[in-house]
Protein backbone atom coordinates (compact mmCIF):
# COMPACT_ATOMS: atom_id res chain seq x y z
CA MET A 1 2.35 -9.99 -18.67
CA ARG A 2 0.61 -7.27 -16.71
CA PHE A 3 -2.92 -6.12 -17.33
CA ALA A 4 -2.87 -2.81 -19.17
CA ASP A 5 -2.08 0.36 -17.26
CA HIS A 6 -3.17 3.68 -18.68
CA TRP A 7 -0.09 5.88 -18.60
CA THR A 8 -0.04 9.63 -18.84
CA SER A 9 2.45 12.41 -18.17
CA GLY A 10 2.47 15.52 -16.09
CA THR A 11 4.45 18.10 -14.17
CA VAL A 12 5.34 18.37 -10.51
CA GLU A 13 3.56 21.64 -9.81
CA THR A 14 4.26 22.19 -6.10
CA ILE A 15 6.07 20.44 -3.26
CA ARG A 16 5.58 21.01 0.47
CA ASP A 17 6.71 19.29 3.64
CA LEU A 18 3.87 18.05 5.81
CA THR A 19 6.10 16.67 8.57
CA ALA A 20 9.83 16.13 8.97
CA GLN A 21 9.51 12.83 7.09
CA ILE A 22 6.46 13.28 4.82
CA ARG A 23 6.44 15.42 1.70
CA GLU A 24 3.45 16.25 -0.50
CA PHE A 25 3.68 16.50 -4.29
CA THR A 26 0.97 18.14 -6.40
CA LEU A 27 1.00 16.79 -9.96
CA LYS A 28 -0.63 18.51 -12.90
CA PRO A 29 -1.52 16.00 -15.65
CA ASP A 30 -1.01 17.12 -19.23
CA ALA A 31 -4.68 16.35 -19.93
CA PRO A 32 -7.68 16.13 -17.57
CA LEU A 33 -8.19 12.72 -16.01
CA SER A 34 -11.31 10.61 -16.04
CA GLY A 35 -13.20 10.16 -12.79
CA PHE A 36 -11.77 7.66 -10.33
CA PRO A 37 -12.87 6.11 -7.01
CA PRO A 38 -11.75 7.50 -3.63
CA GLY A 39 -8.77 5.61 -2.25
CA SER A 40 -7.15 5.25 -5.67
CA HIS A 41 -3.41 5.19 -6.27
CA ILE A 42 -1.09 6.04 -9.13
CA THR A 43 2.05 4.27 -10.25
CA VAL A 44 4.99 6.57 -10.91
CA ASN A 45 7.94 5.82 -13.18
CA LEU A 46 11.21 6.68 -11.43
CA LEU A 47 14.92 6.29 -12.09
CA ILE A 48 16.42 4.41 -9.13
CA ASP A 49 20.08 3.41 -9.17
CA GLU A 50 20.06 4.33 -12.88
CA GLN A 51 17.31 1.79 -13.56
CA PRO A 52 13.71 2.63 -14.50
CA GLN A 53 11.45 1.38 -11.72
CA THR A 54 7.89 1.99 -10.62
CA ARG A 55 6.40 2.87 -7.25
CA SER A 56 2.77 3.33 -6.19
CA TYR A 57 1.38 6.20 -4.13
CA SER A 58 -2.17 6.88 -2.95
CA VAL A 59 -4.05 9.94 -4.14
CA VAL A 60 -4.73 12.28 -1.21
CA GLY A 61 -7.86 14.19 -0.25
CA ALA A 62 -10.81 15.31 -2.35
CA ARG A 63 -10.77 14.13 -5.95
CA SER A 64 -9.83 16.37 -8.86
CA VAL A 65 -9.41 15.62 -12.57
CA ASP A 66 -6.76 18.30 -13.17
CA ARG A 67 -4.57 17.93 -10.07
CA LEU A 68 -3.31 14.93 -8.13
CA ARG A 69 -1.80 15.08 -4.67
CA ILE A 70 0.38 12.32 -3.29
CA ALA A 71 2.41 12.20 -0.08
CA VAL A 72 5.67 10.29 0.27
CA ARG A 73 7.31 9.27 3.54
CA LEU A 74 11.12 9.40 3.36
CA ALA A 75 12.29 5.89 4.27
CA PRO A 76 16.07 5.44 4.08
CA ASP A 77 15.72 1.67 4.57
CA SER A 78 13.17 1.20 1.75
CA ARG A 79 13.77 0.22 -1.88
CA GLY A 80 14.79 3.71 -3.00
CA GLY A 81 11.49 5.10 -4.23
CA SER A 82 11.08 7.69 -1.50
CA GLN A 83 14.61 9.02 -2.00
CA ALA A 84 13.97 9.36 -5.74
CA MET A 85 10.71 11.21 -5.10
CA TRP A 86 12.27 13.52 -2.52
CA ALA A 87 14.99 14.45 -5.02
CA LEU A 88 12.38 15.91 -7.41
CA GLN A 89 11.96 19.67 -7.77
CA PRO A 90 8.95 21.72 -8.93
CA GLY A 91 8.75 21.63 -12.70
CA ALA A 92 10.04 18.05 -12.97
CA ARG A 93 8.33 15.87 -15.55
CA LEU A 94 6.84 12.52 -14.52
CA ASP A 95 5.17 9.59 -16.22
CA PHE A 96 2.42 8.04 -14.12
CA THR A 97 -0.68 5.91 -14.49
CA ALA A 98 -4.25 7.08 -14.29
CA PRO A 99 -5.62 6.59 -10.75
CA SER A 100 -7.11 3.17 -10.05
CA THR A 101 -7.94 1.00 -7.07
CA LEU A 102 -8.72 -2.53 -5.94
CA LEU A 103 -10.32 -1.15 -2.76
CA ASP A 104 -13.88 -2.07 -3.72
CA LEU A 105 -16.08 -0.27 -1.20
CA ASP A 106 -19.77 -0.58 -0.44
CA TRP A 107 -20.97 3.02 -0.48
CA THR A 108 -24.53 2.15 0.58
CA ARG A 109 -23.88 1.75 4.33
CA ASP A 110 -24.74 4.31 6.97
CA ASN A 111 -21.69 3.77 9.21
CA TYR A 112 -17.97 3.62 8.43
CA CYS A 113 -14.92 3.20 10.64
CA LEU A 114 -11.73 4.52 9.06
CA ILE A 115 -8.35 3.49 10.45
CA ALA A 116 -5.01 4.97 9.40
CA GLY A 117 -1.53 4.18 10.61
CA GLY A 118 1.15 6.73 9.79
CA ILE A 119 1.42 7.34 6.05
CA GLY A 120 -1.67 5.16 5.64
CA ILE A 121 -3.63 8.38 6.09
CA THR A 122 -3.17 9.10 2.37
CA PRO A 123 -5.89 6.84 0.89
CA ILE A 124 -7.98 7.11 4.06
CA SER A 125 -8.11 10.91 3.71
CA ALA A 126 -9.63 10.54 0.24
CA VAL A 127 -12.26 8.10 1.53
CA ALA A 128 -13.04 10.43 4.45
CA HIS A 129 -13.67 13.35 2.10
CA ALA A 130 -15.97 11.23 -0.10
CA LEU A 131 -17.97 9.92 2.87
CA CYS A 132 -18.40 13.38 4.38
CA GLN A 133 -19.68 14.66 1.06
CA ARG A 134 -22.36 11.95 1.27
CA GLY A 135 -23.24 12.97 4.81
CA VAL A 136 -22.88 9.50 6.34
CA ASN A 137 -21.50 8.63 9.77
CA ALA A 138 -17.73 8.21 9.43
CA ALA A 139 -15.20 8.17 12.27
CA LEU A 140 -11.43 8.04 11.87
CA HIS A 141 -8.90 6.41 14.19
CA TYR A 142 -5.47 7.83 13.33
CA ALA A 143 -2.46 6.07 14.92
CA VAL A 144 0.89 7.89 14.93
CA LYS A 145 4.07 8.01 16.99
CA THR A 146 3.57 11.69 17.83
CA ARG A 147 1.14 14.36 16.69
CA SER A 148 4.01 16.06 14.88
CA ASP A 149 4.23 12.92 12.71
CA ALA A 150 0.55 13.14 11.72
CA ALA A 151 0.21 14.37 8.16
CA TYR A 152 -3.09 16.07 7.31
CA LEU A 153 -4.05 16.28 10.98
CA ASP A 154 -5.48 19.80 10.62
CA ASP A 155 -7.35 18.78 7.46
CA MET A 156 -8.91 15.74 9.14
CA THR A 157 -9.76 17.75 12.27
CA ALA A 158 -11.60 20.35 10.20
CA LEU A 159 -13.38 17.65 8.23
CA LEU A 160 -14.37 15.27 11.04
CA GLY A 161 -14.32 17.27 14.29
CA ASP A 162 -14.92 15.02 17.29
CA ARG A 163 -15.22 11.99 14.99
CA LEU A 164 -11.41 12.07 14.67
CA HIS A 165 -9.60 9.99 17.30
CA VAL A 166 -5.82 10.45 17.39
CA HIS A 167 -3.80 7.65 19.00
CA ALA A 168 -0.29 8.99 19.62
CA SER A 169 2.26 6.59 21.12
CA ASP A 170 4.06 9.32 23.07
CA GLU A 171 0.74 10.17 24.73
CA ASP A 172 0.13 6.54 25.74
CA SER A 173 -3.00 6.54 23.60
CA ARG A 174 -3.04 3.10 22.04
CA LEU A 175 -5.64 2.09 19.48
CA ASP A 176 -7.65 -0.80 20.97
CA PHE A 177 -9.22 -2.59 18.02
CA ALA A 178 -11.48 -4.77 20.17
CA GLU A 179 -12.92 -1.70 21.86
CA ALA A 180 -13.26 0.26 18.63
CA PHE A 181 -15.00 -2.59 16.80
CA ALA A 182 -17.33 -3.37 19.73
CA ALA A 183 -18.66 0.19 19.54
CA LEU A 184 -19.63 -0.09 15.87
CA PRO A 185 -23.19 -0.63 14.64
CA ALA A 186 -23.84 -4.03 13.07
CA ASP A 187 -23.87 -2.64 9.52
CA ALA A 188 -20.56 -0.75 9.81
CA ILE A 189 -17.67 -1.22 7.41
CA ALA A 190 -14.09 -0.73 8.60
CA ILE A 191 -11.47 0.52 6.15
CA ILE A 192 -7.82 0.38 7.18
CA CYS A 193 -4.47 1.35 5.74
CA GLY A 194 -1.32 1.03 7.81
CA PRO A 195 1.74 -1.07 8.56
CA MET A 196 1.54 -4.85 8.30
CA ARG A 197 1.43 -5.48 12.06
CA MET A 198 -1.44 -3.02 12.44
CA THR A 199 -3.40 -4.61 9.61
CA GLU A 200 -2.89 -8.11 11.01
CA ASP A 201 -3.98 -6.98 14.48
CA ALA A 202 -7.12 -5.44 12.98
CA ARG A 203 -7.93 -8.60 11.05
CA ARG A 204 -7.63 -10.74 14.17
CA ALA A 205 -9.78 -8.36 16.22
CA TRP A 206 -12.40 -8.15 13.47
CA HIS A 207 -12.59 -11.95 13.30
CA ALA A 208 -12.76 -12.24 17.10
CA ALA A 209 -15.65 -9.76 17.13
CA GLY A 210 -17.63 -12.13 14.91
CA ARG A 211 -18.02 -9.60 12.12
CA ARG A 212 -18.30 -10.46 8.45
CA PRO A 213 -14.84 -10.68 6.85
CA THR A 214 -16.07 -8.78 3.79
CA ASP A 215 -16.91 -5.76 5.97
CA LEU A 216 -13.23 -5.18 6.73
CA ARG A 217 -11.45 -3.58 3.80
CA TYR A 218 -7.78 -2.75 3.77
CA GLU A 219 -4.89 -1.43 1.77
CA THR A 220 -1.24 -1.99 2.46
CA PHE A 221 2.08 -0.59 1.35
CA GLY A 222 4.66 -3.07 0.11
CA SER A 223 7.53 -1.45 2.02
CA SER A 224 5.82 -2.46 5.27
CA GLY A 225 6.93 -5.84 6.51
CA LEU A 226 7.75 -7.67 9.70
CA LEU A 227 11.42 -8.15 8.75
CA PRO A 228 13.96 -5.63 7.41
CA ALA A 229 14.34 -5.44 3.64
CA THR A 230 17.66 -7.08 2.81
CA GLU A 231 19.19 -8.88 -0.13
CA PHE A 232 17.99 -12.50 -0.47
CA ARG A 233 18.14 -15.37 -2.96
CA VAL A 234 15.50 -17.08 -5.07
CA ARG A 235 16.11 -20.58 -6.39
CA LEU A 236 13.96 -21.76 -9.31
CA LYS A 237 12.62 -25.29 -9.01
CA GLY A 238 13.57 -27.65 -11.83
CA ILE A 239 15.92 -25.13 -13.45
CA GLY A 240 18.75 -24.84 -10.95
CA THR A 241 18.98 -21.09 -11.45
CA GLU A 242 19.58 -18.93 -8.39
CA ILE A 243 18.78 -15.23 -8.52
CA VAL A 244 19.82 -12.50 -6.08
CA VAL A 245 17.04 -10.06 -5.15
CA PRO A 246 18.61 -6.71 -4.19
CA GLN A 247 17.44 -4.74 -1.18
CA ASN A 248 15.93 -2.04 -3.44
CA ARG A 249 14.24 -4.36 -5.97
CA SER A 250 11.15 -6.53 -5.67
CA MET A 251 11.26 -10.27 -6.17
CA LEU A 252 8.78 -9.91 -9.04
CA ALA A 253 10.90 -7.34 -10.87
CA THR A 254 14.06 -9.38 -10.33
CA LEU A 255 12.45 -12.52 -11.75
CA ARG A 256 11.34 -10.57 -14.81
CA ASP A 257 14.79 -9.02 -15.23
CA ALA A 258 16.17 -12.56 -15.39
CA GLY A 259 13.66 -13.58 -18.07
CA HIS A 260 11.21 -15.48 -15.87
CA GLU A 261 7.78 -14.00 -16.55
CA VAL A 262 5.17 -13.93 -13.78
CA ILE A 263 1.66 -12.65 -14.39
CA SER A 264 0.55 -9.83 -12.08
CA ASP A 265 -1.94 -7.03 -11.71
CA CYS A 266 -1.97 -4.70 -8.68
CA GLU A 267 1.66 -5.23 -7.62
CA ARG A 268 0.64 -4.06 -4.14
CA GLY A 269 0.04 -7.42 -2.46
CA GLU A 270 -3.73 -7.13 -2.64
CA CYS A 271 -5.04 -9.18 -5.57
CA GLY A 272 -2.98 -12.40 -5.31
CA ILE A 273 -2.66 -12.80 -9.07
CA CYS A 274 1.15 -12.92 -8.98
CA ALA A 275 1.24 -15.65 -6.27
CA ILE A 276 3.70 -18.45 -7.05
CA GLY A 277 4.40 -21.74 -5.33
CA VAL A 278 7.07 -22.13 -2.65
CA THR A 279 8.79 -25.51 -2.46
CA ALA A 280 11.50 -24.82 0.13
CA VAL A 281 12.60 -22.09 2.53
CA ASP A 282 16.12 -21.83 3.91
CA GLY A 283 15.54 -18.87 6.20
CA GLU A 284 12.26 -16.98 6.65
CA ILE A 285 9.62 -15.48 4.37
CA ASP A 286 8.31 -12.00 5.14
CA HIS A 287 4.76 -12.12 3.77
CA ARG A 288 3.90 -8.48 3.08
CA ASP A 289 0.66 -9.10 1.20
CA VAL A 290 -2.88 -8.77 2.51
CA PHE A 291 -4.24 -11.42 0.15
CA PHE A 292 -3.33 -14.58 2.08
CA SER A 293 -4.79 -15.43 5.47
CA ALA A 294 -2.57 -15.79 8.55
CA HIS A 295 -2.88 -19.59 8.26
CA GLN A 296 -1.83 -19.55 4.60
CA LYS A 297 1.17 -17.39 5.44
CA GLN A 298 2.23 -19.86 8.13
CA ASP A 299 2.02 -22.70 5.60
CA ASN A 300 4.50 -20.90 3.29
CA ALA A 301 3.00 -22.70 0.30
CA LYS A 302 2.81 -19.57 -1.86
CA ILE A 303 4.31 -16.09 -1.97
CA CYS A 304 3.27 -12.81 -3.60
CA PRO A 305 6.58 -11.73 -5.19
CA CYS A 306 5.35 -8.19 -5.90
CA VAL A 307 5.78 -7.18 -2.24
CA SER A 308 6.89 -10.14 -0.12
CA ARG A 309 10.53 -10.77 0.67
CA ALA A 310 12.68 -13.27 2.54
CA ILE A 311 15.73 -13.72 4.69
CA GLY A 312 18.06 -16.37 3.24
CA THR A 313 16.96 -18.44 0.24
CA VAL A 314 13.49 -19.37 -0.99
CA THR A 315 12.86 -21.98 -3.70
CA VAL A 316 9.87 -21.25 -5.93
CA ASP A 317 8.08 -22.67 -8.94
CA THR A 318 6.91 -19.92 -11.29
CA LEU A 319 5.48 -22.54 -13.69
CA TYR A 320 7.24 -20.62 -16.44
CA ARG A 321 9.17 -22.83 -18.82
CA PRO A 322 11.15 -21.09 -21.60
CA ASP A 323 10.82 -24.11 -23.92
CA THR A 324 7.02 -24.31 -23.53
CA ILE A 325 4.83 -22.83 -26.28
């Protein structure tokens, strides 16, 4: 029961390695695309473990209606999407959705603070290009393990000059959110995409700085959690059914495979539409969404099954009843 996606097809035109672990794919749609906002993503249909599955990837750089660039970090411990993408060759055919986003930005401000962690540079690079085209004040804080891990570093350097601040762990250059936010003008918006820990740290610092919550915008990637992705169990309240969620499958997809429909939209942990009630936890929930607050995550009253996972067994109530009309 998803809201409608607009699917199209295209060809993998070129492939290039940006770093040892990040590979860029240029896709040529069969027909020109409609305009789309900076920071958009596409959903790609892939065959993983001989099952059709979908994965989402942000559109990189300046917008184009006849080419799409996405970058994929090879993650051996993820749910298999990156391996499937890295196995593609130029000329491969792909089905994917038209670009869309839930990252609703206010483009009327004069000051923007962009923050990217690792592969989070992908949507941030698109926003940076759009802001520079408008001629507004935009600075980018780019956190990486080493400069050799920093995809699009040359592109961002050419675009932003001294407004680019690289924070490389091996150089002992740590991103201090409190310091970065204190230096911002009162009207500034911060836009962040990075691992879950980074996003949570930014949210806490933003709140501590007394800034308006709506002026911090963020994206996440569902493979980023605080716990390793392992197989876990879901028990359905009132039914007695227990379902095993594989390491390479989302809880949402596994519930649907078993015939238990859950309404959803973004499937990226951002909108909260798929949230279902949690009635018991035998283990620990890894809340990978950015919809719930830290307090709500501690309560463990609800879970976003599109991205969140668990260790052990979690009992949920989907409110779906097969005998209900």
